[in-house]
Amino acid sequence: MHKKIHNSSILVTGGAGFIGSYVVEELLKSNPAKVIVLDNLIRGSYENMKSFIGNPVVHFVEGDIRDTSLLEECVAGADYVFHMAALRINACAANPKEGFEVMLKSTFDLTELCVKHKVRKVIYSSSASVYGLAQHFPTPETDNPYNNQTFYGGAKLWGEQLFRSFKFMYDLDYVALRYFNVYGPRMDTDGKYTEVMIRWLDCIRDGKAPLIYGDGSSSMDFVYVRDVAKANVAALVSDVTDEAFNVGNCEETSLKQLLEALLRVNDSKLIPEFKEENTVNPVSRRLADNSKAKKLLGFEPTVTLEKGLQELSQWYFEKKKASALSI
């Protein structure tokens, strides 16, 4: 149990979402007085919150962070804030105006309200997207962000700089966490921007050849969602402020290796089918250097890729089975 969390009031924006729901579960282990979850349920869901929605400590507010009066109601009285509400990277590209409203303006509104209501500390969900194609592998936090070409990465970096300036001007404590490729149960399974491993799980279920676009050499650093939640809590309970930290698994996994691991944990003998890549991927490698988080936050990932893929597969196939039975 963490003393800082015990009997405190905590706001989690996007707390019904994939990562946010795990953060709420992690916070509840330390008996906070109140956890306010603000979510518009576009990406989040009641299903994600089923382990805690009936907990009297949790106050769920269905609403949008663009509603500043509602946002103020949620911030007022909060000791700490986790700012996790965001659009996906593809959604920002598809609608930059909405990206501005959600990722920049609402983050600014939240930051002002945190100063106004004397919030003790904010944990801001940033992203490895700020690096674009990094200069070094493993990538330390000191790598510059000038290779980023995405609206999403630019917005996340702006958020980091916003919190840094408010620390300087108003002494608002914060920590920014740069997530690498987060996966696990509750990840998005439907819609236009479904993750590649979900499409591959569908292929495994249906006995169809999984597709790899390109030669499969593009790599990512896959970090399990429960580890990400623990990093968030470690950032809150530490005395560290005005810092950004990488949150990855510190393992570089190519798409080809990822598929091989997914097939292996599901005892599948399917042979992948390679297709010509139809888009240019400006970021062909990701690999985190977590040494700063280990030193200053005491954070280290604990879930191996194979263990995480086992849990993801089990959750997804059970979800699909339940969905089929309910039709």
Protein backbone atom coordinates (compact mmCIF):
# COMPACT_ATOMS: atom_id res chain seq x y z
CA MET A 1 0.00 0.00 0.00
CA HIS A 2 1.26 3.47 -0.92
CA LYS A 3 0.77 6.16 1.72
CA LYS A 4 0.49 8.91 -0.88
CA ILE A 5 -2.53 7.19 -2.48
CA HIS A 6 -4.18 6.06 0.78
CA ASN A 7 -7.18 8.30 1.60
CA SER A 8 -6.45 10.65 -1.31
CA SER A 9 -8.79 11.79 -4.10
CA ILE A 10 -7.60 10.99 -7.62
CA LEU A 11 -8.95 11.93 -11.05
CA VAL A 12 -8.25 9.65 -14.02
CA THR A 13 -9.24 11.15 -17.37
CA GLY A 14 -9.83 8.33 -19.83
CA GLY A 15 -10.14 5.94 -16.88
CA ALA A 16 -12.59 3.65 -18.70
CA GLY A 17 -10.07 3.15 -21.49
CA PHE A 18 -7.56 0.41 -22.17
CA ILE A 19 -4.67 1.67 -20.05
CA GLY A 20 -6.73 3.91 -17.78
CA SER A 21 -8.83 1.05 -16.41
CA TYR A 22 -5.68 -0.79 -15.31
CA VAL A 23 -4.39 2.36 -13.62
CA VAL A 24 -7.65 2.59 -11.63
CA GLU A 25 -7.29 -1.05 -10.57
CA GLU A 26 -3.71 -0.42 -9.47
CA LEU A 27 -4.74 2.68 -7.47
CA LEU A 28 -7.51 0.82 -5.65
CA LYS A 29 -4.93 -1.53 -4.10
CA SER A 30 -3.80 1.39 -1.88
CA ASN A 31 -7.27 2.35 -0.60
CA PRO A 32 -7.79 5.87 -1.93
CA ALA A 33 -10.72 7.83 -0.55
CA LYS A 34 -12.10 8.53 -4.02
CA VAL A 35 -11.22 7.79 -7.65
CA ILE A 36 -13.06 9.91 -10.23
CA VAL A 37 -13.16 8.38 -13.70
CA LEU A 38 -13.98 10.84 -16.50
CA ASP A 39 -14.60 9.17 -19.85
CA ASN A 40 -16.87 9.76 -22.86
CA LEU A 41 -17.02 5.99 -23.58
CA ILE A 42 -15.95 6.44 -27.21
CA ARG A 43 -12.78 4.42 -26.66
CA GLY A 44 -13.54 3.37 -23.08
CA SER A 45 -16.32 1.02 -21.96
CA TYR A 46 -18.25 -0.35 -19.00
CA GLU A 47 -16.71 -3.72 -19.86
CA ASN A 48 -13.25 -2.29 -19.10
CA MET A 49 -14.52 -1.07 -15.72
CA LYS A 50 -16.39 -4.20 -14.66
CA SER A 51 -13.87 -5.05 -11.91
CA PHE A 52 -14.43 -1.71 -10.14
CA ILE A 53 -17.60 0.01 -11.41
CA GLY A 54 -19.50 -1.22 -8.34
CA ASN A 55 -16.82 -0.04 -5.91
CA PRO A 56 -18.20 2.83 -3.77
CA VAL A 57 -14.79 4.55 -3.93
CA VAL A 58 -15.08 4.90 -7.73
CA HIS A 59 -17.17 7.76 -9.12
CA PHE A 60 -17.73 7.36 -12.85
CA VAL A 61 -18.54 10.54 -14.78
CA GLU A 62 -19.61 10.01 -18.37
CA GLY A 63 -18.49 13.12 -20.21
CA ASP A 64 -15.97 14.74 -22.50
CA ILE A 65 -12.81 16.54 -21.39
CA ARG A 66 -13.75 19.28 -23.87
CA ASP A 67 -16.59 20.20 -21.48
CA THR A 68 -14.58 22.60 -19.31
CA SER A 69 -17.24 23.10 -16.63
CA LEU A 70 -17.56 19.33 -16.18
CA LEU A 71 -13.79 19.01 -16.21
CA GLU A 72 -13.54 21.59 -13.44
CA GLU A 73 -16.08 19.71 -11.33
CA CYS A 74 -13.87 16.62 -11.63
CA VAL A 75 -10.58 18.42 -10.90
CA ALA A 76 -11.92 20.37 -7.89
CA GLY A 77 -11.01 18.48 -4.76
CA ALA A 78 -8.63 16.05 -6.50
CA ASP A 79 -5.23 15.59 -4.88
CA TYR A 80 -3.74 13.94 -7.96
CA VAL A 81 -4.59 13.67 -11.65
CA PHE A 82 -3.73 11.06 -14.26
CA HIS A 83 -4.28 12.61 -17.68
CA MET A 84 -4.85 9.69 -20.03
CA ALA A 85 -7.74 10.83 -22.26
CA ALA A 86 -6.57 11.07 -25.88
CA LEU A 87 -7.36 10.27 -29.48
CA ARG A 88 -5.51 7.53 -31.32
CA ILE A 89 -2.66 8.47 -33.62
CA ASN A 90 -4.69 7.65 -36.76
CA ALA A 91 -7.71 9.58 -35.50
CA CYS A 92 -5.56 12.70 -35.06
CA ALA A 93 -4.36 12.36 -38.66
CA ALA A 94 -7.91 11.85 -39.93
CA ASN A 95 -9.28 14.88 -38.08
CA PRO A 96 -6.55 17.32 -36.95
CA LYS A 97 -9.12 19.88 -35.73
CA GLU A 98 -10.58 17.37 -33.30
CA GLY A 99 -7.03 16.37 -32.46
CA PHE A 100 -6.30 19.97 -31.50
CA GLU A 101 -9.42 20.21 -29.33
CA VAL A 102 -8.80 16.96 -27.47
CA MET A 103 -5.02 16.72 -27.36
CA LEU A 104 -4.00 20.37 -26.99
CA LYS A 105 -6.83 22.66 -25.89
CA SER A 106 -8.29 20.23 -23.34
CA THR A 107 -4.83 19.46 -21.95
CA PHE A 108 -4.27 23.21 -21.54
CA ASP A 109 -7.66 23.61 -19.82
CA LEU A 110 -6.85 20.71 -17.49
CA THR A 111 -3.44 22.14 -16.63
CA GLU A 112 -4.92 25.54 -15.74
CA LEU A 113 -7.54 23.86 -13.56
CA CYS A 114 -4.87 21.80 -11.77
CA VAL A 115 -3.11 25.04 -10.82
CA LYS A 116 -6.38 26.71 -9.82
CA HIS A 117 -7.44 23.82 -7.58
CA LYS A 118 -3.95 23.15 -6.19
CA VAL A 119 -3.55 19.60 -7.48
CA ARG A 120 -0.43 18.11 -5.91
CA LYS A 121 0.84 16.18 -8.93
CA VAL A 122 -0.18 15.25 -12.48
CA ILE A 123 0.89 12.08 -14.31
CA TYR A 124 0.71 12.77 -18.03
CA SER A 125 0.45 9.98 -20.60
CA SER A 126 2.89 10.84 -23.37
CA SER A 127 4.23 8.57 -26.09
CA ALA A 128 7.33 7.25 -27.81
CA SER A 129 5.79 8.89 -30.89
CA VAL A 130 7.52 12.09 -29.79
CA TYR A 131 10.80 10.64 -31.08
CA GLY A 132 9.64 9.74 -34.58
CA LEU A 133 12.49 7.59 -35.89
CA ALA A 134 14.87 7.91 -32.96
CA GLN A 135 18.57 8.70 -33.26
CA HIS A 136 19.72 5.93 -30.92
CA PHE A 137 18.64 2.36 -30.10
CA PRO A 138 17.94 1.73 -27.29
CA THR A 139 16.41 5.21 -27.18
CA PRO A 140 17.10 7.39 -24.12
CA GLU A 141 14.87 10.30 -23.09
CA THR A 142 17.59 12.69 -24.25
CA ASP A 143 16.98 11.88 -27.94
CA ASN A 144 15.52 14.91 -29.71
CA PRO A 145 11.93 14.91 -31.06
CA TYR A 146 12.66 16.50 -34.43
CA ASN A 147 12.08 13.31 -36.45
CA ASN A 148 8.42 13.08 -35.43
CA GLN A 149 6.08 13.72 -38.35
CA THR A 150 2.73 12.98 -36.71
CA PHE A 151 0.14 15.35 -35.26
CA TYR A 152 -0.26 12.92 -32.37
CA GLY A 153 3.46 12.92 -31.52
CA GLY A 154 3.59 16.70 -31.81
CA ALA A 155 0.57 17.07 -29.53
CA LYS A 156 2.06 14.73 -26.92
CA LEU A 157 5.35 16.64 -26.96
CA TRP A 158 3.46 19.94 -26.64
CA GLY A 159 1.71 18.49 -23.59
CA GLU A 160 5.06 17.65 -22.02
CA GLN A 161 6.32 21.18 -22.68
CA LEU A 162 3.10 22.64 -21.32
CA PHE A 163 3.48 20.81 -18.01
CA ARG A 164 7.16 21.76 -17.88
CA SER A 165 6.33 25.45 -18.31
CA PHE A 166 3.59 25.26 -15.67
CA LYS A 167 6.07 23.67 -13.27
CA PHE A 168 8.38 26.62 -13.90
CA MET A 169 5.65 29.29 -13.68
CA TYR A 170 3.30 27.83 -11.04
CA ASP A 171 5.24 24.97 -9.40
CA LEU A 172 2.76 22.35 -10.65
CA ASP A 173 4.41 18.97 -10.07
CA TYR A 174 4.12 16.47 -12.90
CA VAL A 175 5.75 13.43 -14.51
CA ALA A 176 5.36 12.53 -18.21
CA LEU A 177 5.48 8.88 -19.27
CA ARG A 178 6.41 8.02 -22.86
CA TYR A 179 4.67 4.74 -23.59
CA PHE A 180 6.09 2.47 -26.25
CA ASN A 181 3.79 -0.16 -27.90
CA VAL A 182 1.24 -1.05 -25.22
CA TYR A 183 -0.74 -4.29 -25.62
CA GLY A 184 -2.83 -6.68 -23.55
CA PRO A 185 -6.41 -7.59 -22.62
CA ARG A 186 -8.92 -4.75 -23.23
CA MET A 187 -6.93 -3.35 -26.14
CA ASP A 188 -9.00 -2.07 -29.06
CA THR A 189 -10.39 -4.98 -31.08
CA ASP A 190 -12.88 -3.29 -33.38
CA GLY A 191 -12.97 -0.47 -35.85
CA LYS A 192 -10.72 1.12 -38.40
CA TYR A 193 -7.54 1.24 -36.31
CA THR A 194 -7.47 -2.31 -34.95
CA GLU A 195 -4.01 -3.45 -33.91
CA VAL A 196 -2.19 -5.96 -36.11
CA MET A 197 -2.04 -8.63 -33.41
CA ILE A 198 -5.85 -8.60 -33.15
CA ARG A 199 -6.13 -9.20 -36.89
CA TRP A 200 -3.66 -12.06 -36.54
CA LEU A 201 -5.67 -13.58 -33.67
CA ASP A 202 -8.71 -13.54 -35.96
CA CYS A 203 -6.64 -15.45 -38.54
CA ILE A 204 -5.57 -18.00 -35.90
CA ARG A 205 -9.20 -18.47 -34.83
CA ASP A 206 -10.41 -18.85 -38.42
CA GLY A 207 -7.46 -20.91 -39.68
CA LYS A 208 -6.52 -18.32 -42.31
CA ALA A 209 -3.02 -17.28 -43.32
CA PRO A 210 -1.99 -14.17 -41.34
CA LEU A 211 -0.80 -11.29 -43.50
CA ILE A 212 2.48 -9.42 -43.12
CA TYR A 213 2.88 -6.27 -45.19
CA GLY A 214 6.47 -5.74 -46.27
CA ASP A 215 9.25 -8.07 -45.16
CA GLY A 216 8.25 -8.06 -41.47
CA SER A 217 11.48 -6.40 -40.34
CA SER A 218 9.84 -3.30 -38.84
CA SER A 219 10.26 -3.56 -35.10
CA MET A 220 8.50 -2.33 -31.99
CA ASP A 221 8.97 -2.46 -28.23
CA PHE A 222 5.87 -4.18 -26.87
CA VAL A 223 5.11 -3.39 -23.23
CA TYR A 224 2.35 -5.14 -21.32
CA VAL A 225 -0.50 -2.98 -20.07
CA ARG A 226 -0.23 -4.02 -16.41
CA ASP A 227 3.41 -2.96 -16.41
CA VAL A 228 2.36 0.42 -17.84
CA ALA A 229 -0.19 0.82 -15.03
CA LYS A 230 2.52 0.06 -12.45
CA ALA A 231 4.78 2.67 -14.05
CA ASN A 232 2.00 5.25 -13.63
CA VAL A 233 1.64 4.48 -9.92
CA ALA A 234 5.43 4.50 -9.47
CA ALA A 235 5.52 7.98 -11.04
CA LEU A 236 2.83 9.22 -8.67
CA VAL A 237 4.25 7.89 -5.42
CA SER A 238 7.84 8.96 -6.16
CA ASP A 239 9.13 12.39 -5.17
CA VAL A 240 10.32 12.93 -8.76
CA THR A 241 8.90 15.90 -10.65
CA ASP A 242 9.53 17.75 -13.91
CA GLU A 243 10.80 14.63 -15.70
CA ALA A 244 9.84 12.46 -18.69
CA PHE A 245 10.38 8.70 -18.65
CA ASN A 246 10.31 5.95 -21.25
CA VAL A 247 7.98 3.05 -20.47
CA GLY A 248 8.88 0.06 -22.62
CA ASN A 249 9.84 -3.59 -22.28
CA CYS A 250 13.39 -2.90 -23.52
CA GLU A 251 13.11 -5.63 -26.17
CA GLU A 252 13.04 -5.01 -29.90
CA THR A 253 10.59 -7.35 -31.63
CA SER A 254 10.08 -7.39 -35.40
CA LEU A 255 6.62 -7.97 -36.84
CA LYS A 256 7.83 -11.34 -38.11
CA GLN A 257 9.05 -12.29 -34.61
CA LEU A 258 5.80 -11.02 -33.08
CA LEU A 259 3.72 -13.25 -35.35
CA GLU A 260 5.98 -16.22 -34.65
CA ALA A 261 5.50 -15.69 -30.90
CA LEU A 262 1.73 -15.32 -31.29
CA LEU A 263 1.51 -18.52 -33.35
CA ARG A 264 3.71 -20.32 -30.81
CA VAL A 265 1.62 -19.44 -27.73
CA ASN A 266 -1.51 -20.54 -29.61
CA ASP A 267 0.03 -23.81 -30.91
CA SER A 268 -0.72 -22.70 -34.45
CA LYS A 269 1.11 -23.99 -37.54
CA LEU A 270 -0.24 -21.31 -39.87
CA ILE A 271 2.18 -19.96 -42.47
CA PRO A 272 2.19 -16.17 -42.94
CA GLU A 273 1.49 -14.60 -46.30
CA PHE A 274 3.69 -11.64 -47.24
CA LYS A 275 2.11 -8.75 -49.13
CA GLU A 276 3.64 -5.67 -50.66
CA GLU A 277 3.65 -2.76 -48.23
CA ASN A 278 1.10 -0.18 -49.35
CA THR A 279 2.19 2.63 -47.03
CA VAL A 280 5.52 4.12 -46.08
CA ASN A 281 6.30 3.63 -42.41
CA PRO A 282 8.55 6.51 -41.30
CA VAL A 283 9.25 4.75 -37.98
CA SER A 284 10.78 1.35 -38.72
CA ARG A 285 12.32 0.73 -35.28
CA ARG A 286 11.41 1.16 -31.61
CA LEU A 287 13.44 0.14 -28.60
CA ALA A 288 13.20 1.80 -25.19
CA ASP A 289 15.96 2.57 -22.75
CA ASN A 290 14.22 2.33 -19.36
CA SER A 291 17.32 2.93 -17.23
CA LYS A 292 16.14 6.37 -16.10
CA ALA A 293 12.78 4.97 -14.90
CA LYS A 294 14.57 2.12 -13.12
CA LYS A 295 16.91 4.53 -11.34
CA LEU A 296 14.47 7.30 -10.39
CA LEU A 297 11.10 5.51 -10.19
CA GLY A 298 12.17 1.98 -9.31
CA PHE A 299 10.18 0.76 -12.31
CA GLU A 300 11.05 -2.35 -14.30
CA PRO A 301 8.72 -4.33 -16.59
CA THR A 302 7.96 -7.85 -15.34
CA VAL A 303 5.77 -9.46 -18.03
CA THR A 304 7.53 -11.23 -20.90
CA LEU A 305 6.16 -10.94 -24.42
CA GLU A 306 5.12 -14.60 -24.53
CA LYS A 307 3.32 -14.38 -21.17
CA GLY A 308 1.57 -11.20 -22.29
CA LEU A 309 0.54 -12.72 -25.62
CA GLN A 310 -0.86 -15.77 -23.81
CA GLU A 311 -3.03 -13.54 -21.63
CA LEU A 312 -4.09 -11.41 -24.61
CA SER A 313 -5.03 -14.50 -26.64
CA GLN A 314 -7.01 -16.07 -23.81
CA TRP A 315 -8.93 -12.84 -23.19
CA TYR A 316 -9.65 -12.24 -26.86
CA PHE A 317 -10.89 -15.74 -27.66
CA GLU A 318 -13.10 -15.76 -24.54
CA LYS A 319 -14.48 -12.35 -25.54
CA LYS A 320 -15.27 -13.58 -29.06
CA LYS A 321 -16.87 -16.76 -27.73
CA ALA A 322 -19.08 -14.81 -25.33
CA SER A 323 -20.04 -12.43 -28.11
CA ALA A 324 -21.03 -15.30 -30.41
CA LEU A 325 -23.15 -16.94 -27.67
CA SER A 326 -25.03 -13.70 -27.00
CA ILE A 327 -26.19 -13.33 -30.62
